[in-house]
Amino acid sequence: MNHAGRASAPSAASLRRHIAAHPVTAFLVIAIALSWVALVLSIALLGNALPGILAELLILLGTAVLVTAAAEGKPGVRALFRQTVRWRVGAGWYVAAVLALPVLTVLIASATGTARQPTGEWASVAGAYMLNTVVIGALLGNIWEELAWTGVVQRRLMERHGMAGGSLLTAIPFALIHLPLAFADKGFTGTPWPDVALAWGVLLVFAPLFRLLVGIAYLGTGQSVLIVALLHASFNASEQSKLPVFDGAWQQIAAATLLLVVLVLLRKFRALPAGTGHGAAVAS
C-alpha cells in the first residue's frame, strides 16, 4: 500500500484550500519571497538585475495563475487572462494611458525651465518612446506584471476596501517587492546607503500614487489590464533616461500626480464607471 501517496493527496488538498481561503496572502508570500531570491542572486552573482527582473515576471505570472486556479478554478483563470485583451474601451483611456504622462512631463519641464532639446530629432524621441511603451514595456513585460498585481491582488483588495483603500494597500507589497532594485546599478557592496535611501524614498512616494492611478483606470475601463499595462509602461518610458528632453527626475512624479488629480475629478464629476467586474468580495 502506498502510504506516501495517500499522505500527499490530503496535504495538497489542504494547501489548495488554504490558498483559496487566503489568495492575496498566499500570492504575496510566494511572489515576494521568490522574486527577492531571484533579484538578489541576479545582482550579487551576475552584476545585472535584468535576469532577476525577467525571473520576477515569470514568478508573478505563475503565482497569479496558481492562486487564481485555487480560489476560482479554471473559469477564474480564463476570466483573469481575458482582462489582458479587453481593448474595447473609450479612446480617452488610450490617450490617458499612452500619451498623458510624457506630454505632462514635458510640459512641466518646459514650465519650470528644466526642458532641453533632444540630441536627435523629435520624431526619433517619439518613436523610441512608443517602442518602449507599447512593445518593450506593455506587451512584453508590464501586462504580465499587472495581470498579477492588478488582476489578482488589487482587484480583491478593492472589492473589500474600496478603490482608494485597496489601491493604497496594494502599494505596500508593490513597493516591497521592488526594494532590491535600489542596488541594481552598483551592487550590494558598491551602492552608497544614501543612494539606497533616496531610491527607496522615491519608491514609497511612487507606489501609492501609481496604484491609485491603476485603480481608477482598471475600474473605469471595466477591468482592462491592457490599459493598466500601457499606463505602467508609459510611466516607465517617461523617465529622463528614456525620454531625454528634460533634466531631473521629479517631473515624472509631478506629471503622474497631475494625471491622478485629473482622473479623480473626472471620476467624481463625470461618473466614470466604477464596477469591479466578475467577482464578489474575496477573502484575502
C-alpha atoms as a PDB file:
ATOM      1  CA  MET A   1       0.000   0.000   0.000  1.00  0.00           C
ATOM      2  CA  ASN A   2       1.380   3.437  -0.984  1.00  0.00           C
ATOM      3  CA  HIS A   3       1.125   5.373   2.247  1.00  0.00           C
ATOM      4  CA  ALA A   4       3.209   8.255   0.845  1.00  0.00           C
ATOM      5  CA  GLY A   5       0.732   8.796  -1.980  1.00  0.00           C
ATOM      6  CA  ARG A   6      -2.212   8.701   0.427  1.00  0.00           C
ATOM      7  CA  ALA A   7      -0.489  11.236   2.701  1.00  0.00           C
ATOM      8  CA  SER A   8       0.459  13.636  -0.087  1.00  0.00           C
ATOM      9  CA  ALA A   9      -3.038  13.900  -1.527  1.00  0.00           C
ATOM     10  CA  PRO A  10      -4.648  15.318   1.645  1.00  0.00           C
ATOM     11  CA  SER A  11      -1.625  17.594   2.078  1.00  0.00           C
ATOM     12  CA  ALA A  12      -2.011  19.020  -1.429  1.00  0.00           C
ATOM     13  CA  ALA A  13      -5.747  19.423  -0.943  1.00  0.00           C
ATOM     14  CA  SER A  14      -5.174  21.210   2.354  1.00  0.00           C
ATOM     15  CA  LEU A  15      -2.667  23.577   0.750  1.00  0.00           C
ATOM     16  CA  ARG A  16      -5.105  24.345  -2.057  1.00  0.00           C
ATOM     17  CA  ARG A  17      -7.871  25.089   0.437  1.00  0.00           C
ATOM     18  CA  HIS A  18      -5.552  27.392   2.375  1.00  0.00           C
ATOM     19  CA  ILE A  19      -4.598  29.295  -0.780  1.00  0.00           C
ATOM     20  CA  ALA A  20      -8.253  29.502  -1.835  1.00  0.00           C
ATOM     21  CA  ALA A  21      -9.181  30.921   1.569  1.00  0.00           C
ATOM     22  CA  HIS A  22      -6.335  33.472   1.589  1.00  0.00           C
ATOM     23  CA  PRO A  23      -5.428  34.172  -2.066  1.00  0.00           C
ATOM     24  CA  VAL A  24      -3.848  37.602  -1.543  1.00  0.00           C
ATOM     25  CA  THR A  25      -1.736  36.485   1.397  1.00  0.00           C
ATOM     26  CA  ALA A  26      -0.627  33.354  -0.464  1.00  0.00           C
ATOM     27  CA  PHE A  27       0.266  35.371  -3.548  1.00  0.00           C
ATOM     28  CA  LEU A  28       2.324  37.898  -1.592  1.00  0.00           C
ATOM     29  CA  VAL A  29       4.254  35.302   0.421  1.00  0.00           C
ATOM     30  CA  ILE A  30       5.149  33.220  -2.627  1.00  0.00           C
ATOM     31  CA  ALA A  31       5.757  36.010  -5.134  1.00  0.00           C
ATOM     32  CA  ILE A  32       7.757  38.354  -2.933  1.00  0.00           C
ATOM     33  CA  ALA A  33       9.956  35.627  -1.443  1.00  0.00           C
ATOM     34  CA  LEU A  34      10.832  34.057  -4.796  1.00  0.00           C
ATOM     35  CA  SER A  35      11.271  37.438  -6.516  1.00  0.00           C
ATOM     36  CA  TRP A  36      13.648  38.654  -3.835  1.00  0.00           C
ATOM     37  CA  VAL A  37      15.715  35.497  -4.215  1.00  0.00           C
ATOM     38  CA  ALA A  38      15.825  35.948  -7.995  1.00  0.00           C
ATOM     39  CA  LEU A  39      16.739  39.650  -7.820  1.00  0.00           C
ATOM     40  CA  VAL A  40      19.343  39.246  -5.081  1.00  0.00           C
ATOM     41  CA  LEU A  41      21.084  36.372  -6.871  1.00  0.00           C
ATOM     42  CA  SER A  42      20.952  38.182 -10.198  1.00  0.00           C
ATOM     43  CA  ILE A  43      22.512  41.353  -8.778  1.00  0.00           C
ATOM     44  CA  ALA A  44      25.020  39.607  -6.495  1.00  0.00           C
ATOM     45  CA  LEU A  45      26.225  36.852  -8.833  1.00  0.00           C
ATOM     46  CA  LEU A  46      25.731  38.335 -12.288  1.00  0.00           C
ATOM     47  CA  GLY A  47      26.053  42.035 -11.566  1.00  0.00           C
ATOM     48  CA  ASN A  48      22.954  42.578 -13.676  1.00  0.00           C
ATOM     49  CA  ALA A  49      19.367  42.932 -12.464  1.00  0.00           C
ATOM     50  CA  LEU A  50      17.779  42.079 -15.817  1.00  0.00           C
ATOM     51  CA  PRO A  51      17.779  38.261 -15.385  1.00  0.00           C
ATOM     52  CA  GLY A  52      16.211  38.737 -11.974  1.00  0.00           C
ATOM     53  CA  ILE A  53      13.563  41.066 -13.395  1.00  0.00           C
ATOM     54  CA  LEU A  54      12.699  38.530 -16.094  1.00  0.00           C
ATOM     55  CA  ALA A  55      12.511  35.807 -13.456  1.00  0.00           C
ATOM     56  CA  GLU A  56      10.255  38.072 -11.377  1.00  0.00           C
ATOM     57  CA  LEU A  57       7.808  38.381 -14.289  1.00  0.00           C
ATOM     58  CA  LEU A  58       7.609  34.605 -14.592  1.00  0.00           C
ATOM     59  CA  ILE A  59       7.189  34.262 -10.823  1.00  0.00           C
ATOM     60  CA  LEU A  60       4.392  36.838 -10.748  1.00  0.00           C
ATOM     61  CA  LEU A  61       2.594  35.227 -13.676  1.00  0.00           C
ATOM     62  CA  GLY A  62       2.958  31.686 -12.325  1.00  0.00           C
ATOM     63  CA  THR A  63       1.844  32.681  -8.839  1.00  0.00           C
ATOM     64  CA  ALA A  64      -1.131  34.609 -10.239  1.00  0.00           C
ATOM     65  CA  VAL A  65      -2.307  31.523 -12.135  1.00  0.00           C
ATOM     66  CA  LEU A  66      -1.693  29.239  -9.137  1.00  0.00           C
ATOM     67  CA  VAL A  67      -3.645  31.439  -6.725  1.00  0.00           C
ATOM     68  CA  THR A  68      -6.499  32.118  -9.148  1.00  0.00           C
ATOM     69  CA  ALA A  69      -6.866  28.435 -10.018  1.00  0.00           C
ATOM     70  CA  ALA A  70      -7.059  27.541  -6.341  1.00  0.00           C
ATOM     71  CA  ALA A  71      -9.518  30.308  -5.478  1.00  0.00           C
ATOM     72  CA  GLU A  72     -11.723  30.440  -8.585  1.00  0.00           C
ATOM     73  CA  GLY A  73     -10.909  27.374 -10.678  1.00  0.00           C
ATOM     74  CA  LYS A  74     -10.451  27.287 -14.437  1.00  0.00           C
ATOM     75  CA  PRO A  75     -13.241  29.837 -15.085  1.00  0.00           C
ATOM     76  CA  GLY A  76     -11.387  32.304 -12.874  1.00  0.00           C
ATOM     77  CA  VAL A  77      -8.120  31.758 -14.750  1.00  0.00           C
ATOM     78  CA  ARG A  78      -9.871  32.313 -18.091  1.00  0.00           C
ATOM     79  CA  ALA A  79     -11.530  35.465 -16.741  1.00  0.00           C
ATOM     80  CA  LEU A  80      -8.160  36.701 -15.488  1.00  0.00           C
ATOM     81  CA  PHE A  81      -6.481  36.337 -18.873  1.00  0.00           C
ATOM     82  CA  ARG A  82      -9.451  37.886 -20.699  1.00  0.00           C
ATOM     83  CA  GLN A  83      -8.586  41.144 -18.947  1.00  0.00           C
ATOM     84  CA  THR A  84      -5.349  41.338 -20.933  1.00  0.00           C
ATOM     85  CA  VAL A  85      -7.261  41.584 -24.231  1.00  0.00           C
ATOM     86  CA  ARG A  86     -10.027  43.885 -23.001  1.00  0.00           C
ATOM     87  CA  TRP A  87      -9.321  46.607 -25.555  1.00  0.00           C
ATOM     88  CA  ARG A  88     -12.824  47.942 -26.261  1.00  0.00           C
ATOM     89  CA  VAL A  89     -12.659  50.980 -24.008  1.00  0.00           C
ATOM     90  CA  GLY A  90     -13.122  54.661 -24.726  1.00  0.00           C
ATOM     91  CA  ALA A  91     -10.449  56.342 -26.847  1.00  0.00           C
ATOM     92  CA  GLY A  92      -9.781  58.727 -23.981  1.00  0.00           C
ATOM     93  CA  TRP A  93      -8.371  55.883 -21.917  1.00  0.00           C
ATOM     94  CA  TYR A  94      -5.774  55.131 -24.603  1.00  0.00           C
ATOM     95  CA  VAL A  95      -4.799  58.805 -24.671  1.00  0.00           C
ATOM     96  CA  ALA A  96      -4.518  58.833 -20.873  1.00  0.00           C
ATOM     97  CA  ALA A  97      -2.571  55.572 -20.758  1.00  0.00           C
ATOM     98  CA  VAL A  98      -0.135  56.201 -23.609  1.00  0.00           C
ATOM     99  CA  LEU A  99       0.247  59.956 -24.101  1.00  0.00           C
ATOM    100  CA  ALA A 100      -0.769  61.797 -20.925  1.00  0.00           C
ATOM    101  CA  LEU A 101       2.351  61.121 -18.852  1.00  0.00           C
ATOM    102  CA  PRO A 102       5.035  62.033 -21.433  1.00  0.00           C
ATOM    103  CA  VAL A 103       3.103  65.127 -22.534  1.00  0.00           C
ATOM    104  CA  LEU A 104       2.553  66.304 -18.961  1.00  0.00           C
ATOM    105  CA  THR A 105       6.165  65.532 -18.071  1.00  0.00           C
ATOM    106  CA  VAL A 106       7.481  67.645 -20.968  1.00  0.00           C
ATOM    107  CA  LEU A 107       5.012  70.469 -20.231  1.00  0.00           C
ATOM    108  CA  ILE A 108       6.040  70.555 -16.568  1.00  0.00           C
ATOM    109  CA  ALA A 109       9.712  70.557 -17.560  1.00  0.00           C
ATOM    110  CA  SER A 110       9.093  73.418 -20.003  1.00  0.00           C
ATOM    111  CA  ALA A 111       7.171  75.420 -17.406  1.00  0.00           C
ATOM    112  CA  THR A 112       9.940  75.007 -14.814  1.00  0.00           C
ATOM    113  CA  GLY A 113      12.871  75.672 -17.133  1.00  0.00           C
ATOM    114  CA  THR A 114      14.220  72.135 -16.949  1.00  0.00           C
ATOM    115  CA  ALA A 115      13.412  71.115 -20.524  1.00  0.00           C
ATOM    116  CA  ARG A 116      16.148  70.684 -23.122  1.00  0.00           C
ATOM    117  CA  GLN A 117      16.369  69.868 -26.771  1.00  0.00           C
ATOM    118  CA  PRO A 118      16.959  66.187 -27.605  1.00  0.00           C
ATOM    119  CA  THR A 119      20.254  65.234 -29.214  1.00  0.00           C
ATOM    120  CA  GLY A 120      18.382  63.818 -32.226  1.00  0.00           C
ATOM    121  CA  GLU A 121      15.119  64.563 -33.971  1.00  0.00           C
ATOM    122  CA  TRP A 122      11.866  64.769 -32.023  1.00  0.00           C
ATOM    123  CA  ALA A 123      10.481  62.071 -34.300  1.00  0.00           C
ATOM    124  CA  SER A 124      13.211  59.704 -33.075  1.00  0.00           C
ATOM    125  CA  VAL A 125      12.399  60.528 -29.456  1.00  0.00           C
ATOM    126  CA  ALA A 126       8.687  59.883 -30.068  1.00  0.00           C
ATOM    127  CA  GLY A 127       9.421  56.625 -31.895  1.00  0.00           C
ATOM    128  CA  ALA A 128      11.686  55.373 -29.110  1.00  0.00           C
ATOM    129  CA  TYR A 129       9.051  56.294 -26.542  1.00  0.00           C
ATOM    130  CA  MET A 130       6.322  54.370 -28.378  1.00  0.00           C
ATOM    131  CA  LEU A 131       8.617  51.350 -28.755  1.00  0.00           C
ATOM    132  CA  ASN A 132       9.484  51.408 -25.036  1.00  0.00           C
ATOM    133  CA  THR A 133       5.846  51.871 -24.042  1.00  0.00           C
ATOM    134  CA  VAL A 134       3.821  49.649 -26.342  1.00  0.00           C
ATOM    135  CA  VAL A 135       6.178  46.830 -27.304  1.00  0.00           C
ATOM    136  CA  ILE A 136       9.063  46.502 -24.835  1.00  0.00           C
ATOM    137  CA  GLY A 137       7.070  47.781 -21.878  1.00  0.00           C
ATOM    138  CA  ALA A 138       3.412  46.832 -22.085  1.00  0.00           C
ATOM    139  CA  LEU A 139       3.271  43.779 -24.340  1.00  0.00           C
ATOM    140  CA  LEU A 140       6.474  42.058 -23.218  1.00  0.00           C
ATOM    141  CA  GLY A 141       6.541  42.936 -19.548  1.00  0.00           C
ATOM    142  CA  ASN A 142       4.010  45.122 -17.800  1.00  0.00           C
ATOM    143  CA  ILE A 143       0.904  43.307 -18.985  1.00  0.00           C
ATOM    144  CA  TRP A 144       2.054  40.149 -17.179  1.00  0.00           C
ATOM    145  CA  GLU A 145       3.195  42.091 -14.135  1.00  0.00           C
ATOM    146  CA  GLU A 146      -0.164  43.855 -13.888  1.00  0.00           C
ATOM    147  CA  LEU A 147      -2.081  40.651 -14.567  1.00  0.00           C
ATOM    148  CA  ALA A 148      -0.746  39.631 -11.173  1.00  0.00           C
ATOM    149  CA  TRP A 149      -0.736  42.893  -9.227  1.00  0.00           C
ATOM    150  CA  THR A 150      -3.988  44.339 -10.568  1.00  0.00           C
ATOM    151  CA  GLY A 151      -5.902  41.240 -11.641  1.00  0.00           C
ATOM    152  CA  VAL A 152      -5.135  39.187  -8.526  1.00  0.00           C
ATOM    153  CA  VAL A 153      -4.113  41.456  -5.658  1.00  0.00           C
ATOM    154  CA  GLN A 154      -5.548  44.913  -6.211  1.00  0.00           C
ATOM    155  CA  ARG A 155      -8.887  43.667  -7.565  1.00  0.00           C
ATOM    156  CA  ARG A 156      -9.534  41.651  -4.427  1.00  0.00           C
ATOM    157  CA  LEU A 157      -8.371  44.391  -2.076  1.00  0.00           C
ATOM    158  CA  MET A 158     -10.539  46.979  -3.843  1.00  0.00           C
ATOM    159  CA  GLU A 159     -13.541  44.661  -3.603  1.00  0.00           C
ATOM    160  CA  ARG A 160     -13.026  44.532   0.146  1.00  0.00           C
ATOM    161  CA  HIS A 161     -11.725  48.012   0.981  1.00  0.00           C
ATOM    162  CA  GLY A 162     -12.931  50.222  -1.874  1.00  0.00           C
ATOM    163  CA  MET A 163     -10.918  51.772  -4.690  1.00  0.00           C
ATOM    164  CA  ALA A 164      -8.719  54.078  -2.584  1.00  0.00           C
ATOM    165  CA  GLY A 165      -8.200  51.671   0.318  1.00  0.00           C
ATOM    166  CA  GLY A 166      -7.476  48.682  -1.902  1.00  0.00           C
ATOM    167  CA  SER A 167      -5.073  50.682  -4.069  1.00  0.00           C
ATOM    168  CA  LEU A 168      -3.106  52.006  -1.106  1.00  0.00           C
ATOM    169  CA  LEU A 169      -2.916  48.563   0.475  1.00  0.00           C
ATOM    170  CA  THR A 170      -1.591  47.145  -2.804  1.00  0.00           C
ATOM    171  CA  ALA A 171       1.095  49.838  -2.831  1.00  0.00           C
ATOM    172  CA  ILE A 172       2.765  48.321   0.238  1.00  0.00           C
ATOM    173  CA  PRO A 173       3.762  44.922  -1.229  1.00  0.00           C
ATOM    174  CA  PHE A 174       4.208  46.514  -4.675  1.00  0.00           C
ATOM    175  CA  ALA A 175       6.924  48.730  -3.179  1.00  0.00           C
ATOM    176  CA  LEU A 176       8.312  45.909  -1.059  1.00  0.00           C
ATOM    177  CA  ILE A 177       8.983  43.593  -3.999  1.00  0.00           C
ATOM    178  CA  HIS A 178      10.991  46.329  -5.768  1.00  0.00           C
ATOM    179  CA  LEU A 179      13.328  47.164  -2.856  1.00  0.00           C
ATOM    180  CA  PRO A 180      16.323  45.109  -4.133  1.00  0.00           C
ATOM    181  CA  LEU A 181      16.371  47.154  -7.355  1.00  0.00           C
ATOM    182  CA  ALA A 182      17.944  50.031  -5.423  1.00  0.00           C
ATOM    183  CA  PHE A 183      21.203  48.031  -5.683  1.00  0.00           C
ATOM    184  CA  ALA A 184      20.828  47.243  -9.404  1.00  0.00           C
ATOM    185  CA  ASP A 185      23.475  49.636 -10.783  1.00  0.00           C
ATOM    186  CA  LYS A 186      26.387  49.249  -8.359  1.00  0.00           C
ATOM    187  CA  GLY A 187      25.607  46.042  -6.493  1.00  0.00           C
ATOM    188  CA  PHE A 188      25.128  45.389  -2.803  1.00  0.00           C
ATOM    189  CA  THR A 189      28.624  46.461  -1.786  1.00  0.00           C
ATOM    190  CA  GLY A 190      29.089  49.385  -4.146  1.00  0.00           C
ATOM    191  CA  THR A 191      25.814  51.251  -3.643  1.00  0.00           C
ATOM    192  CA  PRO A 192      26.082  54.033  -1.005  1.00  0.00           C
ATOM    193  CA  TRP A 193      23.333  53.871   1.597  1.00  0.00           C
ATOM    194  CA  PRO A 194      22.238  57.489   0.933  1.00  0.00           C
ATOM    195  CA  ASP A 195      21.538  56.431  -2.661  1.00  0.00           C
ATOM    196  CA  VAL A 196      19.591  53.423  -1.413  1.00  0.00           C
ATOM    197  CA  ALA A 197      17.575  55.621   0.949  1.00  0.00           C
ATOM    198  CA  LEU A 198      16.791  58.040  -1.881  1.00  0.00           C
ATOM    199  CA  ALA A 199      15.700  55.230  -4.216  1.00  0.00           C
ATOM    200  CA  TRP A 200      13.501  53.710  -1.523  1.00  0.00           C
ATOM    201  CA  GLY A 201      12.053  57.131  -0.713  1.00  0.00           C
ATOM    202  CA  VAL A 202      11.103  57.719  -4.349  1.00  0.00           C
ATOM    203  CA  LEU A 203       9.590  54.225  -4.480  1.00  0.00           C
ATOM    204  CA  LEU A 204       7.489  54.884  -1.382  1.00  0.00           C
ATOM    205  CA  VAL A 205       6.161  58.080  -2.985  1.00  0.00           C
ATOM    206  CA  PHE A 206       5.584  56.482  -6.373  1.00  0.00           C
ATOM    207  CA  ALA A 207       3.896  53.253  -5.260  1.00  0.00           C
ATOM    208  CA  PRO A 208       0.690  54.663  -3.694  1.00  0.00           C
ATOM    209  CA  LEU A 209       0.415  57.320  -6.397  1.00  0.00           C
ATOM    210  CA  PHE A 210       0.694  54.754  -9.162  1.00  0.00           C
ATOM    211  CA  ARG A 211      -1.621  52.180  -7.583  1.00  0.00           C
ATOM    212  CA  LEU A 212      -4.305  54.878  -7.243  1.00  0.00           C
ATOM    213  CA  LEU A 213      -3.900  55.647 -10.959  1.00  0.00           C
ATOM    214  CA  VAL A 214      -4.203  51.941 -11.674  1.00  0.00           C
ATOM    215  CA  GLY A 215      -7.312  51.586  -9.516  1.00  0.00           C
ATOM    216  CA  ILE A 216      -9.153  54.373 -11.339  1.00  0.00           C
ATOM    217  CA  ALA A 217      -8.090  53.121 -14.774  1.00  0.00           C
ATOM    218  CA  TYR A 218      -8.886  49.493 -14.004  1.00  0.00           C
ATOM    219  CA  LEU A 219     -12.383  50.210 -12.738  1.00  0.00           C
ATOM    220  CA  GLY A 220     -13.048  52.905 -15.297  1.00  0.00           C
ATOM    221  CA  THR A 221     -12.290  50.550 -18.187  1.00  0.00           C
ATOM    222  CA  GLY A 222     -14.253  47.592 -16.850  1.00  0.00           C
ATOM    223  CA  GLN A 223     -11.129  45.729 -15.689  1.00  0.00           C
ATOM    224  CA  SER A 224      -8.809  46.242 -18.651  1.00  0.00           C
ATOM    225  CA  VAL A 225      -5.363  45.021 -17.638  1.00  0.00           C
ATOM    226  CA  LEU A 226      -4.258  46.083 -21.130  1.00  0.00           C
ATOM    227  CA  ILE A 227      -4.896  49.765 -20.327  1.00  0.00           C
ATOM    228  CA  VAL A 228      -3.228  49.375 -16.929  1.00  0.00           C
ATOM    229  CA  ALA A 229      -0.160  47.815 -18.577  1.00  0.00           C
ATOM    230  CA  LEU A 230       0.066  50.674 -21.081  1.00  0.00           C
ATOM    231  CA  LEU A 231      -0.164  53.175 -18.232  1.00  0.00           C
ATOM    232  CA  HIS A 232       2.586  51.365 -16.315  1.00  0.00           C
ATOM    233  CA  ALA A 233       4.828  51.189 -19.372  1.00  0.00           C
ATOM    234  CA  SER A 234       4.146  54.856 -20.146  1.00  0.00           C
ATOM    235  CA  PHE A 235       5.317  55.875 -16.687  1.00  0.00           C
ATOM    236  CA  ASN A 236       8.492  53.830 -17.053  1.00  0.00           C
ATOM    237  CA  ALA A 237       9.178  55.274 -20.515  1.00  0.00           C
ATOM    238  CA  SER A 238       8.676  58.858 -19.291  1.00  0.00           C
ATOM    239  CA  GLU A 239      11.734  58.859 -17.043  1.00  0.00           C
ATOM    240  CA  GLN A 240      14.647  61.076 -18.013  1.00  0.00           C
ATOM    241  CA  SER A 241      16.921  58.249 -19.189  1.00  0.00           C
ATOM    242  CA  LYS A 242      14.321  57.086 -21.746  1.00  0.00           C
ATOM    243  CA  LEU A 243      12.768  60.465 -22.561  1.00  0.00           C
ATOM    244  CA  PRO A 244      15.912  62.634 -22.742  1.00  0.00           C
ATOM    245  CA  VAL A 245      14.268  66.022 -23.187  1.00  0.00           C
ATOM    246  CA  PHE A 246      14.485  67.313 -19.617  1.00  0.00           C
ATOM    247  CA  ASP A 247      16.880  67.373 -16.683  1.00  0.00           C
ATOM    248  CA  GLY A 248      15.860  65.889 -13.357  1.00  0.00           C
ATOM    249  CA  ALA A 249      13.702  63.089 -12.005  1.00  0.00           C
ATOM    250  CA  TRP A 250      10.878  64.857 -10.173  1.00  0.00           C
ATOM    251  CA  GLN A 251       8.966  65.965 -13.291  1.00  0.00           C
ATOM    252  CA  GLN A 252       7.768  62.419 -13.959  1.00  0.00           C
ATOM    253  CA  ILE A 253       6.296  62.131 -10.450  1.00  0.00           C
ATOM    254  CA  ALA A 254       4.703  65.564 -10.790  1.00  0.00           C
ATOM    255  CA  ALA A 255       3.119  64.524 -14.098  1.00  0.00           C
ATOM    256  CA  ALA A 256       1.699  61.346 -12.557  1.00  0.00           C
ATOM    257  CA  THR A 257       0.307  63.386  -9.654  1.00  0.00           C
ATOM    258  CA  LEU A 258      -1.376  65.820 -12.050  1.00  0.00           C
ATOM    259  CA  LEU A 259      -2.845  62.960 -14.095  1.00  0.00           C
ATOM    260  CA  LEU A 260      -4.184  61.394 -10.905  1.00  0.00           C
ATOM    261  CA  VAL A 261      -5.888  64.670  -9.944  1.00  0.00           C
ATOM    262  CA  VAL A 262      -7.485  64.910 -13.391  1.00  0.00           C
ATOM    263  CA  LEU A 263      -8.760  61.327 -13.277  1.00  0.00           C
ATOM    264  CA  VAL A 264     -10.109  61.775  -9.745  1.00  0.00           C
ATOM    265  CA  LEU A 265     -12.032  64.873 -10.859  1.00  0.00           C
ATOM    266  CA  LEU A 266     -13.366  63.096 -13.940  1.00  0.00           C
ATOM    267  CA  ARG A 267     -14.411  60.140 -11.804  1.00  0.00           C
ATOM    268  CA  LYS A 268     -16.170  62.452  -9.377  1.00  0.00           C
ATOM    269  CA  PHE A 269     -17.940  64.823 -11.752  1.00  0.00           C
ATOM    270  CA  ARG A 270     -18.434  62.710 -14.868  1.00  0.00           C
ATOM    271  CA  ALA A 271     -19.370  59.451 -13.107  1.00  0.00           C
ATOM    272  CA  LEU A 272     -16.725  57.220 -14.675  1.00  0.00           C
ATOM    273  CA  PRO A 273     -17.714  53.526 -14.463  1.00  0.00           C
ATOM    274  CA  ALA A 274     -16.763  52.071 -11.111  1.00  0.00           C
ATOM    275  CA  GLY A 275     -17.879  48.429 -11.278  1.00  0.00           C
ATOM    276  CA  THR A 276     -15.492  45.778 -10.085  1.00  0.00           C
ATOM    277  CA  GLY A 277     -16.383  43.090 -12.569  1.00  0.00           C
ATOM    278  CA  HIS A 278     -16.890  39.363 -12.303  1.00  0.00           C
ATOM    279  CA  GLY A 279     -16.062  38.611  -8.670  1.00  0.00           C
ATOM    280  CA  ALA A 280     -17.781  39.308  -5.417  1.00  0.00           C
ATOM    281  CA  ALA A 281     -15.698  40.194  -2.401  1.00  0.00           C
ATOM    282  CA  VAL A 282     -12.978  37.622  -1.976  1.00  0.00           C
ATOM    283  CA  ALA A 283     -11.187  36.764   1.230  1.00  0.00           C
ATOM    284  CA  SER A 284      -7.600  37.890   1.455  1.00  0.00           C
END
